[in-house]
């Protein structure tokens, strides 16, 4: 995740709501509430689609935004997926061999 995405992840891990996260990021970054909220909502939707997070019934204490003299530029929170090697990582050569062993793969019948 990029810097902003990591910060959102930490807030989510602590159980904070979308509103709390948006307010905390607005106090830290130079961007409109709408831009921040949409970006965080999109990241949360992506994390839910990948089954990395789920809703929690408990709510933590109110998130107190960090005060800074100067706000940073807002970077849309994001996650980078590396799926180009998915087939190789899912391969299981140890169990996909016949009695002769590696490197002779089992023949699918």
PDB file of N, CA and C in Angstrom:
ATOM      1  N   UNK A   1       0.844  -1.184   0.000  1.00  0.00           N
ATOM      2  CA  UNK A   1       0.000   0.000   0.000  1.00  0.00           C
ATOM      3  C   UNK A   1       0.885   1.241   0.000  1.00  0.00           C
ATOM      4  N   UNK A   2       0.352   2.299  -0.566  1.00  0.00           N
ATOM      5  CA  UNK A   2       1.094   3.552  -0.497  1.00  0.00           C
ATOM      6  C   UNK A   2       0.935   4.150   0.903  1.00  0.00           C
ATOM      7  N   UNK A   3       1.559   5.295   1.152  1.00  0.00           N
ATOM      8  CA  UNK A   3       1.561   5.896   2.490  1.00  0.00           C
ATOM      9  C   UNK A   3       0.151   6.137   3.022  1.00  0.00           C
ATOM     10  N   UNK A   4      -0.704   6.714   2.198  1.00  0.00           N
ATOM     11  CA  UNK A   4      -2.066   7.006   2.632  1.00  0.00           C
ATOM     12  C   UNK A   4      -2.860   5.717   2.834  1.00  0.00           C
ATOM     13  N   UNK A   5      -2.672   4.755   1.941  1.00  0.00           N
ATOM     14  CA  UNK A   5      -3.346   3.470   2.086  1.00  0.00           C
ATOM     15  C   UNK A   5      -2.946   2.763   3.367  1.00  0.00           C
ATOM     16  N   UNK A   6      -1.674   2.846   3.722  1.00  0.00           N
ATOM     17  CA  UNK A   6      -1.201   2.235   4.975  1.00  0.00           C
ATOM     18  C   UNK A   6      -1.826   2.899   6.186  1.00  0.00           C
ATOM     19  N   UNK A   7      -1.982   4.214   6.118  1.00  0.00           N
ATOM     20  CA  UNK A   7      -2.606   4.942   7.216  1.00  0.00           C
ATOM     21  C   UNK A   7      -4.071   4.532   7.355  1.00  0.00           C
ATOM     22  N   UNK A   8      -4.777   4.431   6.231  1.00  0.00           N
ATOM     23  CA  UNK A   8      -6.175   3.987   6.258  1.00  0.00           C
ATOM     24  C   UNK A   8      -6.244   2.570   6.819  1.00  0.00           C
ATOM     25  N   UNK A   9      -5.330   1.704   6.414  1.00  0.00           N
ATOM     26  CA  UNK A   9      -5.293   0.321   6.914  1.00  0.00           C
ATOM     27  C   UNK A   9      -5.167   0.315   8.441  1.00  0.00           C
ATOM     28  N   UNK A  10      -4.273   1.131   8.972  1.00  0.00           N
ATOM     29  CA  UNK A  10      -4.084   1.194  10.432  1.00  0.00           C
ATOM     30  C   UNK A  10      -5.363   1.665  11.129  1.00  0.00           C
ATOM     31  N   UNK A  11      -6.027   2.666  10.554  1.00  0.00           N
ATOM     32  CA  UNK A  11      -7.292   3.152  11.122  1.00  0.00           C
ATOM     33  C   UNK A  11      -8.363   2.057  11.067  1.00  0.00           C
ATOM     34  N   UNK A  12      -8.429   1.347   9.944  1.00  0.00           N
ATOM     35  CA  UNK A  12      -9.404   0.262   9.820  1.00  0.00           C
ATOM     36  C   UNK A  12      -9.100  -0.855  10.809  1.00  0.00           C
ATOM     37  N   UNK A  13      -7.825  -1.186  10.934  1.00  0.00           N
ATOM     38  CA  UNK A  13      -7.406  -2.245  11.855  1.00  0.00           C
ATOM     39  C   UNK A  13      -7.802  -1.900  13.292  1.00  0.00           C
ATOM     40  N   UNK A  14      -7.767  -0.594  13.612  1.00  0.00           N
ATOM     41  CA  UNK A  14      -8.152  -0.148  14.944  1.00  0.00           C
ATOM     42  C   UNK A  14      -9.673  -0.077  15.101  1.00  0.00           C
ATOM     43  N   UNK A  15     -10.398  -0.283  13.988  1.00  0.00           N
ATOM     44  CA  UNK A  15     -11.861  -0.334  14.058  1.00  0.00           C
ATOM     45  C   UNK A  15     -12.566   0.985  13.849  1.00  0.00           C
ATOM     46  N   UNK A  16     -11.902   1.970  13.295  1.00  0.00           N
ATOM     47  CA  UNK A  16     -12.511   3.280  13.109  1.00  0.00           C
ATOM     48  C   UNK A  16     -13.456   3.301  11.914  1.00  0.00           C
ATOM     49  N   UNK A  17     -14.452   4.174  11.983  1.00  0.00           N
ATOM     50  CA  UNK A  17     -15.468   4.277  10.936  1.00  0.00           C
ATOM     51  C   UNK A  17     -14.962   5.110   9.763  1.00  0.00           C
ATOM     52  N   UNK A  18     -15.697   5.039   8.664  1.00  0.00           N
ATOM     53  CA  UNK A  18     -15.373   5.834   7.483  1.00  0.00           C
ATOM     54  C   UNK A  18     -15.337   7.318   7.828  1.00  0.00           C
ATOM     55  N   UNK A  19     -16.311   7.786   8.586  1.00  0.00           N
ATOM     56  CA  UNK A  19     -16.358   9.196   8.981  1.00  0.00           C
ATOM     57  C   UNK A  19     -15.158   9.600   9.820  1.00  0.00           C
ATOM     58  N   UNK A  20     -14.777   8.757  10.748  1.00  0.00           N
ATOM     59  CA  UNK A  20     -13.628   9.054  11.598  1.00  0.00           C
ATOM     60  C   UNK A  20     -12.341   9.092  10.776  1.00  0.00           C
ATOM     61  N   UNK A  21     -12.200   8.152   9.874  1.00  0.00           N
ATOM     62  CA  UNK A  21     -11.001   8.096   9.029  1.00  0.00           C
ATOM     63  C   UNK A  21     -10.946   9.320   8.125  1.00  0.00           C
ATOM     64  N   UNK A  22     -12.079   9.678   7.545  1.00  0.00           N
ATOM     65  CA  UNK A  22     -12.144  10.848   6.665  1.00  0.00           C
ATOM     66  C   UNK A  22     -11.741  12.111   7.406  1.00  0.00           C
ATOM     67  N   UNK A  23     -12.253  12.290   8.599  1.00  0.00           N
ATOM     68  CA  UNK A  23     -11.917  13.489   9.394  1.00  0.00           C
ATOM     69  C   UNK A  23     -10.430  13.519   9.751  1.00  0.00           C
ATOM     70  N   UNK A  24      -9.889  12.374  10.109  1.00  0.00           N
ATOM     71  CA  UNK A  24      -8.463  12.316  10.474  1.00  0.00           C
ATOM     72  C   UNK A  24      -7.585  12.645   9.266  1.00  0.00           C
ATOM     73  N   UNK A  25      -7.941  12.121   8.099  1.00  0.00           N
ATOM     74  CA  UNK A  25      -7.162  12.407   6.900  1.00  0.00           C
ATOM     75  C   UNK A  25      -7.326  13.864   6.461  1.00  0.00           C
ATOM     76  N   UNK A  26      -8.519  14.411   6.644  1.00  0.00           N
ATOM     77  CA  UNK A  26      -8.754  15.815   6.283  1.00  0.00           C
ATOM     78  C   UNK A  26      -7.924  16.753   7.149  1.00  0.00           C
ATOM     79  N   UNK A  27      -7.687  16.356   8.392  1.00  0.00           N
ATOM     80  CA  UNK A  27      -6.854  17.173   9.279  1.00  0.00           C
ATOM     81  C   UNK A  27      -5.383  17.088   8.898  1.00  0.00           C
ATOM     82  N   UNK A  28      -5.033  16.035   8.197  1.00  0.00           N
ATOM     83  CA  UNK A  28      -3.631  15.792   7.866  1.00  0.00           C
ATOM     84  C   UNK A  28      -3.260  16.207   6.445  1.00  0.00           C
ATOM     85  N   UNK A  29      -4.219  16.088   5.514  1.00  0.00           N
ATOM     86  CA  UNK A  29      -3.920  16.307   4.100  1.00  0.00           C
ATOM     87  C   UNK A  29      -4.714  17.475   3.523  1.00  0.00           C
ATOM     88  N   UNK A  30      -4.146  18.064   2.498  1.00  0.00           N
ATOM     89  CA  UNK A  30      -4.744  19.200   1.808  1.00  0.00           C
ATOM     90  C   UNK A  30      -5.624  18.692   0.668  1.00  0.00           C
ATOM     91  N   UNK A  31      -6.846  18.315   0.994  1.00  0.00           N
ATOM     92  CA  UNK A  31      -7.812  17.842   0.002  1.00  0.00           C
ATOM     93  C   UNK A  31      -9.212  18.033   0.573  1.00  0.00           C
ATOM     94  N   UNK A  32     -10.201  18.059  -0.299  1.00  0.00           N
ATOM     95  CA  UNK A  32     -11.576  18.235   0.166  1.00  0.00           C
ATOM     96  C   UNK A  32     -12.065  16.971   0.871  1.00  0.00           C
ATOM     97  N   UNK A  33     -13.018  17.147   1.761  1.00  0.00           N
ATOM     98  CA  UNK A  33     -13.633  16.020   2.477  1.00  0.00           C
ATOM     99  C   UNK A  33     -14.212  15.036   1.470  1.00  0.00           C
ATOM    100  N   UNK A  34     -14.849  15.542   0.416  1.00  0.00           N
ATOM    101  CA  UNK A  34     -15.472  14.683  -0.589  1.00  0.00           C
ATOM    102  C   UNK A  34     -14.432  13.805  -1.294  1.00  0.00           C
ATOM    103  N   UNK A  35     -13.299  14.408  -1.667  1.00  0.00           N
ATOM    104  CA  UNK A  35     -12.232  13.659  -2.330  1.00  0.00           C
ATOM    105  C   UNK A  35     -11.691  12.565  -1.422  1.00  0.00           C
ATOM    106  N   UNK A  36     -11.444  12.928  -0.182  1.00  0.00           N
ATOM    107  CA  UNK A  36     -10.905  11.957   0.781  1.00  0.00           C
ATOM    108  C   UNK A  36     -11.907  10.837   1.024  1.00  0.00           C
ATOM    109  N   UNK A  37     -13.167  11.199   1.253  1.00  0.00           N
ATOM    110  CA  UNK A  37     -14.182  10.183   1.548  1.00  0.00           C
ATOM    111  C   UNK A  37     -14.354   9.212   0.375  1.00  0.00           C
ATOM    112  N   UNK A  38     -14.398   9.720  -0.849  1.00  0.00           N
ATOM    113  CA  UNK A  38     -14.540   8.851  -2.016  1.00  0.00           C
ATOM    114  C   UNK A  38     -13.330   7.934  -2.149  1.00  0.00           C
ATOM    115  N   UNK A  39     -12.140   8.475  -1.943  1.00  0.00           N
ATOM    116  CA  UNK A  39     -10.920   7.667  -2.059  1.00  0.00           C
ATOM    117  C   UNK A  39     -10.889   6.563  -1.016  1.00  0.00           C
ATOM    118  N   UNK A  40     -11.254   6.896   0.215  1.00  0.00           N
ATOM    119  CA  UNK A  40     -11.261   5.898   1.288  1.00  0.00           C
ATOM    120  C   UNK A  40     -12.346   4.860   1.026  1.00  0.00           C
ATOM    121  N   UNK A  41     -13.509   5.306   0.567  1.00  0.00           N
ATOM    122  CA  UNK A  41     -14.602   4.389   0.247  1.00  0.00           C
ATOM    123  C   UNK A  41     -14.174   3.411  -0.846  1.00  0.00           C
ATOM    124  N   UNK A  42     -13.494   3.920  -1.877  1.00  0.00           N
ATOM    125  CA  UNK A  42     -13.020   3.056  -2.961  1.00  0.00           C
ATOM    126  C   UNK A  42     -12.007   2.034  -2.452  1.00  0.00           C
ATOM    127  N   UNK A  43     -11.094   2.456  -1.579  1.00  0.00           N
ATOM    128  CA  UNK A  43     -10.100   1.536  -1.024  1.00  0.00           C
ATOM    129  C   UNK A  43     -10.785   0.467  -0.174  1.00  0.00           C
ATOM    130  N   UNK A  44     -11.731   0.879   0.652  1.00  0.00           N
ATOM    131  CA  UNK A  44     -12.456  -0.076   1.506  1.00  0.00           C
ATOM    132  C   UNK A  44     -13.199  -1.097   0.638  1.00  0.00           C
ATOM    133  N   UNK A  45     -13.833  -0.631  -0.438  1.00  0.00           N
ATOM    134  CA  UNK A  45     -14.543  -1.541  -1.346  1.00  0.00           C
ATOM    135  C   UNK A  45     -13.581  -2.541  -1.977  1.00  0.00           C
ATOM    136  N   UNK A  46     -12.395  -2.080  -2.351  1.00  0.00           N
ATOM    137  CA  UNK A  46     -11.386  -2.963  -2.936  1.00  0.00           C
ATOM    138  C   UNK A  46     -10.918  -4.003  -1.919  1.00  0.00           C
ATOM    139  N   UNK A  47     -10.693  -3.575  -0.691  1.00  0.00           N
ATOM    140  CA  UNK A  47     -10.252  -4.500   0.361  1.00  0.00           C
ATOM    141  C   UNK A  47     -11.332  -5.523   0.677  1.00  0.00           C
ATOM    142  N   UNK A  48     -12.608  -5.082   0.683  1.00  0.00           N
ATOM    143  CA  UNK A  48     -13.713  -6.010   0.930  1.00  0.00           C
ATOM    144  C   UNK A  48     -13.860  -6.998  -0.220  1.00  0.00           C
ATOM    145  N   UNK A  49     -13.703  -6.521  -1.457  1.00  0.00           N
ATOM    146  CA  UNK A  49     -13.823  -7.403  -2.623  1.00  0.00           C
ATOM    147  C   UNK A  49     -12.765  -8.495  -2.608  1.00  0.00           C
ATOM    148  N   UNK A  50     -11.595  -8.184  -2.056  1.00  0.00           N
ATOM    149  CA  UNK A  50     -10.508  -9.164  -1.960  1.00  0.00           C
ATOM    150  C   UNK A  50     -10.549  -9.945  -0.653  1.00  0.00           C
ATOM    151  N   UNK A  51     -11.626  -9.785   0.112  1.00  0.00           N
ATOM    152  CA  UNK A  51     -11.817 -10.472   1.400  1.00  0.00           C
ATOM    153  C   UNK A  51     -10.680 -10.210   2.382  1.00  0.00           C
ATOM    154  N   UNK A  52     -10.145  -8.989   2.365  1.00  0.00           N
ATOM    155  CA  UNK A  52      -9.082  -8.630   3.297  1.00  0.00           C
ATOM    156  C   UNK A  52      -9.637  -7.983   4.560  1.00  0.00           C
ATOM    157  N   UNK A  53     -10.865  -7.460   4.472  1.00  0.00           N
ATOM    158  CA  UNK A  53     -11.513  -6.870   5.639  1.00  0.00           C
ATOM    159  C   UNK A  53     -12.990  -7.244   5.638  1.00  0.00           C
ATOM    160  N   UNK A  54     -13.607  -7.142   6.808  1.00  0.00           N
ATOM    161  CA  UNK A  54     -15.056  -7.316   6.937  1.00  0.00           C
ATOM    162  C   UNK A  54     -15.536  -6.356   8.007  1.00  0.00           C
ATOM    163  N   UNK A  55     -16.836  -6.137   8.040  1.00  0.00           N
ATOM    164  CA  UNK A  55     -17.385  -5.197   9.012  1.00  0.00           C
ATOM    165  C   UNK A  55     -17.306  -5.762  10.418  1.00  0.00           C
ATOM    166  N   UNK A  56     -17.140  -4.841  11.371  1.00  0.00           N
ATOM    167  CA  UNK A  56     -17.055  -5.214  12.779  1.00  0.00           C
ATOM    168  C   UNK A  56     -18.177  -4.515  13.537  1.00  0.00           C
ATOM    169  N   UNK A  57     -18.856  -5.221  14.437  1.00  0.00           N
ATOM    170  CA  UNK A  57     -19.957  -4.584  15.175  1.00  0.00           C
ATOM    171  C   UNK A  57     -19.498  -3.636  16.280  1.00  0.00           C
ATOM    172  N   UNK A  58     -18.252  -3.705  16.676  1.00  0.00           N
ATOM    173  CA  UNK A  58     -17.776  -2.854  17.767  1.00  0.00           C
ATOM    174  C   UNK A  58     -17.184  -1.565  17.226  1.00  0.00           C
ATOM    175  N   UNK A  59     -17.369  -0.494  17.970  1.00  0.00           N
ATOM    176  CA  UNK A  59     -16.829   0.807  17.568  1.00  0.00           C
ATOM    177  C   UNK A  59     -15.807   1.263  18.599  1.00  0.00           C
ATOM    178  N   UNK A  60     -14.639   1.698  18.164  1.00  0.00           N
ATOM    179  CA  UNK A  60     -13.613   2.164  19.093  1.00  0.00           C
ATOM    180  C   UNK A  60     -13.878   3.603  19.525  1.00  0.00           C
ATOM    181  N   UNK A  61     -13.011   4.083  20.369  1.00  0.00           N
ATOM    182  CA  UNK A  61     -13.103   5.475  20.800  1.00  0.00           C
ATOM    183  C   UNK A  61     -12.928   6.391  19.596  1.00  0.00           C
ATOM    184  N   UNK A  62     -13.406   7.600  19.724  1.00  0.00           N
ATOM    185  CA  UNK A  62     -13.307   8.578  18.648  1.00  0.00           C
ATOM    186  C   UNK A  62     -11.863   8.803  18.250  1.00  0.00           C
ATOM    187  N   UNK A  63     -11.622   8.857  16.965  1.00  0.00           N
ATOM    188  CA  UNK A  63     -10.283   9.062  16.430  1.00  0.00           C
ATOM    189  C   UNK A  63      -9.947  10.541  16.492  1.00  0.00           C
ATOM    190  N   UNK A  64      -8.873  10.879  17.178  1.00  0.00           N
ATOM    191  CA  UNK A  64      -8.448  12.277  17.293  1.00  0.00           C
ATOM    192  C   UNK A  64      -7.402  12.544  16.227  1.00  0.00           C
ATOM    193  N   UNK A  65      -7.719  13.449  15.272  1.00  0.00           N
ATOM    194  CA  UNK A  65      -6.759  13.721  14.207  1.00  0.00           C
ATOM    195  C   UNK A  65      -5.498  14.373  14.735  1.00  0.00           C
ATOM    196  N   UNK A  66      -4.381  14.047  14.077  1.00  0.00           N
ATOM    197  CA  UNK A  66      -3.117  14.683  14.426  1.00  0.00           C
ATOM    198  C   UNK A  66      -3.158  16.136  13.951  1.00  0.00           C
ATOM    199  N   UNK A  67      -2.659  17.040  14.758  1.00  0.00           N
ATOM    200  CA  UNK A  67      -2.597  18.435  14.328  1.00  0.00           C
ATOM    201  C   UNK A  67      -1.222  18.693  13.744  1.00  0.00           C
ATOM    202  N   UNK A  68      -1.215  19.350  12.607  1.00  0.00           N
ATOM    203  CA  UNK A  68       0.037  19.642  11.927  1.00  0.00           C
ATOM    204  C   UNK A  68       0.038  21.109  11.538  1.00  0.00           C
ATOM    205  N   UNK A  69       1.207  21.710  11.550  1.00  0.00           N
ATOM    206  CA  UNK A  69       1.336  23.111  11.166  1.00  0.00           C
ATOM    207  C   UNK A  69       0.979  23.282   9.695  1.00  0.00           C
ATOM    208  N   UNK A  70       1.433  22.355   8.872  1.00  0.00           N
ATOM    209  CA  UNK A  70       1.168  22.442   7.437  1.00  0.00           C
ATOM    210  C   UNK A  70       0.670  21.096   6.944  1.00  0.00           C
ATOM    211  N   UNK A  71      -0.407  21.125   6.169  1.00  0.00           N
ATOM    212  CA  UNK A  71      -0.965  19.881   5.650  1.00  0.00           C
ATOM    213  C   UNK A  71      -0.153  19.384   4.461  1.00  0.00           C
ATOM    214  N   UNK A  72      -0.063  18.053   4.357  1.00  0.00           N
ATOM    215  CA  UNK A  72       0.621  17.419   3.239  1.00  0.00           C
ATOM    216  C   UNK A  72      -0.326  17.345   2.041  1.00  0.00           C
ATOM    217  N   UNK A  73       0.234  17.150   0.858  1.00  0.00           N
ATOM    218  CA  UNK A  73      -0.580  16.898  -0.324  1.00  0.00           C
ATOM    219  C   UNK A  73      -1.214  15.529  -0.180  1.00  0.00           C
ATOM    220  N   UNK A  74      -2.473  15.439  -0.574  1.00  0.00           N
ATOM    221  CA  UNK A  74      -3.212  14.185  -0.454  1.00  0.00           C
ATOM    222  C   UNK A  74      -2.861  13.254  -1.598  1.00  0.00           C
ATOM    223  N   UNK A  75      -2.528  12.038  -1.275  1.00  0.00           N
ATOM    224  CA  UNK A  75      -2.283  10.985  -2.256  1.00  0.00           C
ATOM    225  C   UNK A  75      -3.413   9.979  -2.081  1.00  0.00           C
ATOM    226  N   UNK A  76      -4.088   9.664  -3.159  1.00  0.00           N
ATOM    227  CA  UNK A  76      -5.197   8.716  -3.091  1.00  0.00           C
ATOM    228  C   UNK A  76      -4.696   7.411  -2.498  1.00  0.00           C
ATOM    229  N   UNK A  77      -5.353   6.923  -1.431  1.00  0.00           N
ATOM    230  CA  UNK A  77      -4.914   5.665  -0.836  1.00  0.00           C
ATOM    231  C   UNK A  77      -5.110   4.522  -1.814  1.00  0.00           C
ATOM    232  N   UNK A  78      -4.119   3.677  -1.895  1.00  0.00           N
ATOM    233  CA  UNK A  78      -4.228   2.585  -2.855  1.00  0.00           C
ATOM    234  C   UNK A  78      -3.437   1.373  -2.449  1.00  0.00           C
ATOM    235  N   UNK A  79      -3.771   0.299  -3.102  1.00  0.00           N
ATOM    236  CA  UNK A  79      -3.087  -0.971  -2.890  1.00  0.00           C
ATOM    237  C   UNK A  79      -2.663  -1.476  -4.267  1.00  0.00           C
ATOM    238  N   UNK A  80      -1.468  -2.008  -4.354  1.00  0.00           N
ATOM    239  CA  UNK A  80      -0.954  -2.537  -5.604  1.00  0.00           C
ATOM    240  C   UNK A  80      -1.015  -4.060  -5.542  1.00  0.00           C
ATOM    241  N   UNK A  81      -1.668  -4.647  -6.526  1.00  0.00           N
ATOM    242  CA  UNK A  81      -1.791  -6.100  -6.578  1.00  0.00           C
ATOM    243  C   UNK A  81      -0.796  -6.638  -7.593  1.00  0.00           C
ATOM    244  N   UNK A  82      -0.084  -7.673  -7.207  1.00  0.00           N
ATOM    245  CA  UNK A  82       0.851  -8.345  -8.099  1.00  0.00           C
ATOM    246  C   UNK A  82       0.294  -9.731  -8.380  1.00  0.00           C
ATOM    247  N   UNK A  83      -0.410  -9.857  -9.498  1.00  0.00           N
ATOM    248  CA  UNK A  83      -1.040 -11.147  -9.821  1.00  0.00           C
ATOM    249  C   UNK A  83      -0.446 -11.788 -11.069  1.00  0.00           C
ATOM    250  N   UNK A  84       0.632 -11.223 -11.602  1.00  0.00           N
ATOM    251  CA  UNK A  84       1.221 -11.761 -12.816  1.00  0.00           C
ATOM    252  C   UNK A  84       1.877 -13.126 -12.610  1.00  0.00           C
ATOM    253  N   UNK A  85       2.164 -13.486 -11.374  1.00  0.00           N
ATOM    254  CA  UNK A  85       2.798 -14.780 -11.099  1.00  0.00           C
ATOM    255  C   UNK A  85       1.847 -15.729 -10.365  1.00  0.00           C
ATOM    256  N   UNK A  86       0.563 -15.411 -10.395  1.00  0.00           N
ATOM    257  CA  UNK A  86      -0.416 -16.185  -9.648  1.00  0.00           C
ATOM    258  C   UNK A  86      -0.400 -17.669 -10.016  1.00  0.00           C
ATOM    259  N   UNK A  87      -0.366 -17.986 -11.308  1.00  0.00           N
ATOM    260  CA  UNK A  87      -0.380 -19.389 -11.729  1.00  0.00           C
ATOM    261  C   UNK A  87       0.842 -20.137 -11.203  1.00  0.00           C
ATOM    262  N   UNK A  88       2.001 -19.486 -11.247  1.00  0.00           N
ATOM    263  CA  UNK A  88       3.212 -20.140 -10.768  1.00  0.00           C
ATOM    264  C   UNK A  88       3.148 -20.383  -9.257  1.00  0.00           C
ATOM    265  N   UNK A  89       2.634 -19.402  -8.523  1.00  0.00           N
ATOM    266  CA  UNK A  89       2.560 -19.539  -7.073  1.00  0.00           C
ATOM    267  C   UNK A  89       1.533 -20.591  -6.652  1.00  0.00           C
ATOM    268  N   UNK A  90       0.501 -20.770  -7.470  1.00  0.00           N
ATOM    269  CA  UNK A  90      -0.519 -21.765  -7.149  1.00  0.00           C
ATOM    270  C   UNK A  90      -0.111 -23.176  -7.571  1.00  0.00           C
ATOM    271  N   UNK A  91       0.920 -23.272  -8.386  1.00  0.00           N
ATOM    272  CA  UNK A  91       1.401 -24.593  -8.804  1.00  0.00           C
ATOM    273  C   UNK A  91       1.950 -25.332  -7.590  1.00  0.00           C
ATOM    274  N   UNK A  92       1.739 -26.600  -7.565  1.00  0.00           N
ATOM    275  CA  UNK A  92       2.213 -27.418  -6.447  1.00  0.00           C
ATOM    276  C   UNK A  92       3.003 -28.589  -7.017  1.00  0.00           C
ATOM    277  N   UNK A  93       4.261 -28.330  -7.437  1.00  0.00           N
ATOM    278  CA  UNK A  93       5.025 -29.383  -8.119  1.00  0.00           C
ATOM    279  C   UNK A  93       5.299 -30.600  -7.250  1.00  0.00           C
ATOM    280  N   UNK A  94       5.329 -30.468  -5.966  1.00  0.00           N
ATOM    281  CA  UNK A  94       5.619 -31.604  -5.096  1.00  0.00           C
ATOM    282  C   UNK A  94       4.490 -32.631  -5.162  1.00  0.00           C
ATOM    283  N   UNK A  95       3.251 -32.154  -5.240  1.00  0.00           N
ATOM    284  CA  UNK A  95       2.106 -33.057  -5.242  1.00  0.00           C
ATOM    285  C   UNK A  95       1.576 -33.341  -6.644  1.00  0.00           C
ATOM    286  N   UNK A  96       2.095 -32.657  -7.643  1.00  0.00           N
ATOM    287  CA  UNK A  96       1.627 -32.848  -9.005  1.00  0.00           C
ATOM    288  C   UNK A  96       2.583 -33.719  -9.826  1.00  0.00           C
ATOM    289  N   UNK A  97       3.306 -34.587  -9.180  1.00  0.00           N
ATOM    290  CA  UNK A  97       4.234 -35.473  -9.891  1.00  0.00           C
ATOM    291  C   UNK A  97       3.751 -36.909  -9.777  1.00  0.00           C
ATOM    292  N   UNK A  98       4.190 -37.725 -10.721  1.00  0.00           N
ATOM    293  CA  UNK A  98       3.817 -39.137 -10.612  1.00  0.00           C
ATOM    294  C   UNK A  98       4.895 -39.881  -9.824  1.00  0.00           C
ATOM    295  N   UNK A  99       4.858 -41.185  -9.826  1.00  0.00           N
ATOM    296  CA  UNK A  99       5.763 -41.995  -9.019  1.00  0.00           C
ATOM    297  C   UNK A  99       7.232 -41.806  -9.392  1.00  0.00           C
ATOM    298  N   UNK A 100       7.489 -41.367 -10.639  1.00  0.00           N
ATOM    299  CA  UNK A 100       8.869 -41.140 -11.094  1.00  0.00           C
ATOM    300  C   UNK A 100       9.473 -39.899 -10.434  1.00  0.00           C
ATOM    301  N   UNK A 101       8.632 -39.044  -9.874  1.00  0.00           N
ATOM    302  CA  UNK A 101       9.135 -37.853  -9.186  1.00  0.00           C
ATOM    303  C   UNK A 101       9.348 -36.653 -10.087  1.00  0.00           C
ATOM    304  N   UNK A 102       9.877 -35.631  -9.509  1.00  0.00           N
ATOM    305  CA  UNK A 102      10.119 -34.361 -10.214  1.00  0.00           C
ATOM    306  C   UNK A 102      11.232 -34.571 -11.227  1.00  0.00           C
ATOM    307  N   UNK A 103      11.200 -34.063 -12.401  1.00  0.00           N
ATOM    308  CA  UNK A 103      10.303 -33.044 -12.952  1.00  0.00           C
ATOM    309  C   UNK A 103       9.173 -33.618 -13.793  1.00  0.00           C
ATOM    310  N   UNK A 104       8.898 -34.909 -13.686  1.00  0.00           N
ATOM    311  CA  UNK A 104       7.831 -35.502 -14.495  1.00  0.00           C
ATOM    312  C   UNK A 104       6.486 -35.295 -13.814  1.00  0.00           C
ATOM    313  N   UNK A 105       5.629 -34.467 -14.427  1.00  0.00           N
ATOM    314  CA  UNK A 105       4.307 -34.166 -13.865  1.00  0.00           C
ATOM    315  C   UNK A 105       3.342 -35.324 -14.108  1.00  0.00           C
ATOM    316  N   UNK A 106       2.343 -35.425 -13.245  1.00  0.00           N
ATOM    317  CA  UNK A 106       1.285 -36.406 -13.432  1.00  0.00           C
ATOM    318  C   UNK A 106       0.539 -36.102 -14.708  1.00  0.00           C
ATOM    319  N   UNK A 107       0.127 -37.144 -15.368  1.00  0.00           N
ATOM    320  CA  UNK A 107      -0.721 -36.957 -16.539  1.00  0.00           C
ATOM    321  C   UNK A 107      -2.157 -36.925 -16.088  1.00  0.00           C
ATOM    322  N   UNK A 108      -2.890 -35.899 -16.493  1.00  0.00           N
ATOM    323  CA  UNK A 108      -4.310 -35.796 -16.131  1.00  0.00           C
ATOM    324  C   UNK A 108      -5.109 -36.742 -17.027  1.00  0.00           C
ATOM    325  N   UNK A 109      -5.869 -37.594 -16.411  1.00  0.00           N
ATOM    326  CA  UNK A 109      -6.679 -38.556 -17.180  1.00  0.00           C
ATOM    327  C   UNK A 109      -8.131 -38.225 -17.067  1.00  0.00           C
TER     328      UNK A 109
END
